[in-house]
Amino acid sequence: MEFFPELKIGLFNGWLPLVLFYAVFGILLAIFPKDVVSRLYERSGWTRGMRIMRAFGLIFIFSWFLLAIFTPLKEGSPVFIIGGLIYALGLICFVIALFNYRDTPLDRPVTKGLYKISRNPQHVTLFLSFLGISIAIGSWIATLLISIGIVLGHMRILTEEKACLDQYGDAFKSYMEQVARYFVFF
């Protein structure tokens, strides 16, 4: 791992796993019912401050995207293998979380599957996938950028949970008391 890797245009750069991730995500969004997809992107309860904080977080995320796109994967190295495994775990669990989300009736909070161990498995698994890419390209700065972006994305999660409380009431409150926000112990 190096702090700031050499950037160059290449066929085997971090853009490859990004394209795979977003191709899978795009296909799922295309085949999921429209009401499920619109629920994924609901932002009506957001305040101006929350929108600003999200925009600030996106600066770090987009910086990470540029770094990942122009940094070669460390093929054959231990960091490539470790990063690839973390990425694959994140992608597989992301898909599972999306199906758990899709299969829940719109009038109920999502509480099954991966949602039994995390109230936000989509965010957790997205972070895992992007962390895996950061490791596979061998970049500490990429790891730092994605971590900052995810921490700032916490505002979105708080807003989503408030909206779920408003929409589902006691059912979601009970769920919040039983399941950690991010993972079993967080």
Protein backbone atom coordinates (compact mmCIF):
# COMPACT_ATOMS: atom_id res chain seq x y z
CA MET A 1 0.00 0.00 0.00
CA GLU A 2 1.21 3.49 -0.76
CA PHE A 3 -0.18 6.82 0.31
CA PHE A 4 -0.67 8.32 -3.14
CA PRO A 5 -0.28 5.89 -6.04
CA GLU A 6 0.89 6.68 -9.55
CA LEU A 7 -2.07 7.70 -11.70
CA LYS A 8 -2.35 6.56 -15.29
CA ILE A 9 -4.89 5.53 -17.86
CA GLY A 10 -5.06 1.78 -18.10
CA LEU A 11 -7.20 -1.22 -18.85
CA PHE A 12 -6.70 -2.84 -15.42
CA ASN A 13 -7.44 0.12 -13.19
CA GLY A 14 -9.91 0.57 -10.37
CA TRP A 15 -12.58 1.51 -12.89
CA LEU A 16 -13.11 -2.19 -13.70
CA PRO A 17 -14.68 -3.19 -10.37
CA LEU A 18 -16.58 0.12 -10.34
CA VAL A 19 -18.14 -0.66 -13.71
CA LEU A 20 -19.09 -4.13 -12.52
CA PHE A 21 -20.63 -2.73 -9.33
CA TYR A 22 -22.70 -0.10 -11.13
CA ALA A 23 -23.68 -2.49 -13.95
CA VAL A 24 -25.12 -4.91 -11.40
CA PHE A 25 -26.80 -2.05 -9.52
CA GLY A 26 -28.21 -0.57 -12.74
CA ILE A 27 -29.61 -3.91 -13.87
CA LEU A 28 -31.32 -4.40 -10.52
CA LEU A 29 -32.79 -0.89 -10.61
CA ALA A 30 -34.08 -1.58 -14.13
CA ILE A 31 -35.83 -4.81 -13.15
CA PHE A 32 -37.17 -3.71 -9.76
CA PRO A 33 -40.68 -2.21 -9.58
CA LYS A 34 -40.74 1.57 -9.99
CA ASP A 35 -42.26 2.16 -6.53
CA VAL A 36 -39.36 0.28 -4.91
CA VAL A 37 -36.79 2.32 -6.84
CA SER A 38 -38.50 5.60 -5.96
CA ARG A 39 -38.50 4.60 -2.28
CA LEU A 40 -34.73 4.08 -2.53
CA TYR A 41 -34.26 7.71 -3.54
CA GLU A 42 -36.85 9.41 -1.33
CA ARG A 43 -35.49 12.75 -0.05
CA SER A 44 -38.61 14.74 0.75
CA GLY A 45 -37.80 15.06 4.47
CA TRP A 46 -34.35 16.51 3.94
CA THR A 47 -33.50 19.93 5.32
CA ARG A 48 -31.25 22.39 3.54
CA GLY A 49 -28.45 21.61 5.99
CA MET A 50 -28.70 17.89 5.28
CA ARG A 51 -28.51 18.53 1.55
CA ILE A 52 -25.43 20.70 2.02
CA MET A 53 -23.74 18.07 4.19
CA ARG A 54 -24.51 15.40 1.59
CA ALA A 55 -23.06 17.59 -1.16
CA PHE A 56 -19.91 18.10 0.91
CA GLY A 57 -19.62 14.32 1.34
CA LEU A 58 -20.02 13.84 -2.40
CA ILE A 59 -16.86 15.89 -2.97
CA PHE A 60 -14.88 13.19 -1.16
CA ILE A 61 -16.73 10.40 -2.93
CA PHE A 62 -16.13 11.90 -6.39
CA SER A 63 -12.47 12.52 -5.54
CA TRP A 64 -12.27 8.85 -4.61
CA PHE A 65 -13.92 7.89 -7.93
CA LEU A 66 -11.31 9.84 -9.91
CA LEU A 67 -8.48 8.31 -7.92
CA ALA A 68 -9.88 4.78 -8.34
CA ILE A 69 -10.47 5.22 -12.07
CA PHE A 70 -6.90 6.33 -12.77
CA THR A 71 -5.05 3.98 -10.40
CA PRO A 72 -3.93 0.54 -11.60
CA LEU A 73 -5.05 -2.52 -9.70
CA LYS A 74 -2.14 -4.19 -7.88
CA GLU A 75 -2.63 -7.47 -9.75
CA GLY A 76 -1.06 -10.52 -8.18
CA SER A 77 -0.16 -8.78 -4.93
CA PRO A 78 -1.59 -9.61 -1.49
CA VAL A 79 -3.42 -6.26 -1.36
CA PHE A 80 -5.13 -7.08 -4.66
CA ILE A 81 -6.33 -10.44 -3.33
CA ILE A 82 -7.46 -9.00 0.02
CA GLY A 83 -9.11 -6.02 -1.67
CA GLY A 84 -10.78 -8.26 -4.24
CA LEU A 85 -12.23 -10.50 -1.55
CA ILE A 86 -13.56 -7.52 0.43
CA TYR A 87 -14.99 -6.04 -2.78
CA ALA A 88 -16.69 -9.33 -3.74
CA LEU A 89 -18.16 -9.76 -0.25
CA GLY A 90 -19.47 -6.19 -0.37
CA LEU A 91 -20.99 -6.60 -3.84
CA ILE A 92 -22.69 -9.90 -3.04
CA CYS A 93 -24.12 -8.57 0.22
CA PHE A 94 -25.20 -5.33 -1.52
CA VAL A 95 -27.24 -7.37 -3.99
CA ILE A 96 -28.75 -9.44 -1.16
CA ALA A 97 -29.67 -6.24 0.73
CA LEU A 98 -31.35 -4.81 -2.37
CA PHE A 99 -33.43 -7.97 -2.80
CA ASN A 100 -34.36 -7.86 0.91
CA TYR A 101 -35.46 -4.26 0.33
CA ARG A 102 -37.41 -5.11 -2.82
CA ASP A 103 -39.23 -8.03 -1.21
CA THR A 104 -40.63 -5.98 1.67
CA PRO A 105 -44.12 -4.50 1.26
CA LEU A 106 -44.05 -0.72 0.91
CA ASP A 107 -46.23 -0.24 3.98
CA ARG A 108 -43.72 -1.98 6.30
CA PRO A 109 -40.13 -1.26 7.32
CA VAL A 110 -37.48 -3.55 5.87
CA THR A 111 -36.47 -5.91 8.69
CA LYS A 112 -35.57 -9.24 7.07
CA GLY A 113 -32.41 -10.74 5.63
CA LEU A 114 -29.36 -8.54 6.14
CA TYR A 115 -31.64 -5.97 7.75
CA LYS A 116 -31.72 -8.27 10.79
CA ILE A 117 -28.09 -7.41 11.55
CA SER A 118 -27.91 -3.84 10.24
CA ARG A 119 -30.51 -1.14 9.71
CA ASN A 120 -28.40 0.10 6.79
CA PRO A 121 -26.86 -2.90 5.02
CA GLN A 122 -26.87 -1.14 1.65
CA HIS A 123 -24.60 1.60 3.01
CA VAL A 124 -22.38 -0.86 4.89
CA THR A 125 -21.92 -3.12 1.87
CA LEU A 126 -21.36 -0.20 -0.50
CA PHE A 127 -18.58 0.95 1.82
CA LEU A 128 -17.14 -2.59 1.89
CA SER A 129 -17.09 -2.73 -1.91
CA PHE A 130 -15.40 0.65 -2.24
CA LEU A 131 -12.97 -0.15 0.57
CA GLY A 132 -12.09 -3.34 -1.29
CA ILE A 133 -11.34 -1.33 -4.43
CA SER A 134 -9.19 1.09 -2.38
CA ILE A 135 -7.17 -1.83 -1.05
CA ALA A 136 -6.96 -3.55 -4.45
CA ILE A 137 -5.40 -0.40 -5.95
CA GLY A 138 -3.10 -0.20 -2.93
CA SER A 139 -3.91 3.38 -1.95
CA TRP A 140 -4.11 4.80 1.56
CA ILE A 141 -5.42 8.13 0.23
CA ALA A 142 -8.28 6.30 -1.54
CA THR A 143 -9.08 4.51 1.72
CA LEU A 144 -9.07 7.85 3.55
CA LEU A 145 -11.24 9.60 0.94
CA ILE A 146 -13.90 6.90 0.87
CA SER A 147 -13.93 6.74 4.67
CA ILE A 148 -14.49 10.50 4.96
CA GLY A 149 -17.22 10.36 2.31
CA ILE A 150 -18.97 7.55 4.14
CA VAL A 151 -18.75 9.35 7.50
CA LEU A 152 -20.31 12.43 5.92
CA GLY A 153 -22.94 10.16 4.33
CA HIS A 154 -24.01 9.39 7.89
CA MET A 155 -26.24 12.49 7.60
CA ARG A 156 -28.22 10.76 4.89
CA ILE A 157 -28.68 7.73 7.11
CA LEU A 158 -29.94 9.83 10.00
CA THR A 159 -32.43 11.51 7.67
CA GLU A 160 -33.59 8.17 6.27
CA GLU A 161 -34.12 6.82 9.77
CA LYS A 162 -36.13 9.89 10.77
CA ALA A 163 -38.30 9.45 7.68
CA CYS A 164 -38.80 5.76 8.55
CA LEU A 165 -39.83 6.72 12.07
CA ASP A 166 -42.36 9.18 10.65
CA GLN A 167 -43.67 6.65 8.14
CA TYR A 168 -43.70 3.42 10.17
CA GLY A 169 -43.99 4.73 13.74
CA ASP A 170 -43.72 2.21 16.56
CA ALA A 171 -42.82 -0.66 14.22
CA PHE A 172 -39.64 1.15 13.17
CA LYS A 173 -38.92 2.38 16.70
CA SER A 174 -39.03 -1.20 17.96
CA TYR A 175 -36.79 -2.27 15.08
CA MET A 176 -34.28 0.49 15.96
CA GLU A 177 -34.13 -0.80 19.53
CA GLN A 178 -33.36 -4.34 18.36
CA VAL A 179 -30.96 -3.82 15.43
CA ALA A 180 -27.78 -1.74 15.30
CA ARG A 181 -27.53 1.11 12.81
CA TYR A 182 -24.52 -0.18 10.92
CA PHE A 183 -23.64 -3.63 12.10
CA VAL A 184 -24.10 -5.97 15.01
CA PHE A 185 -22.12 -3.87 17.48
CA PHE A 186 -22.41 -0.30 16.09
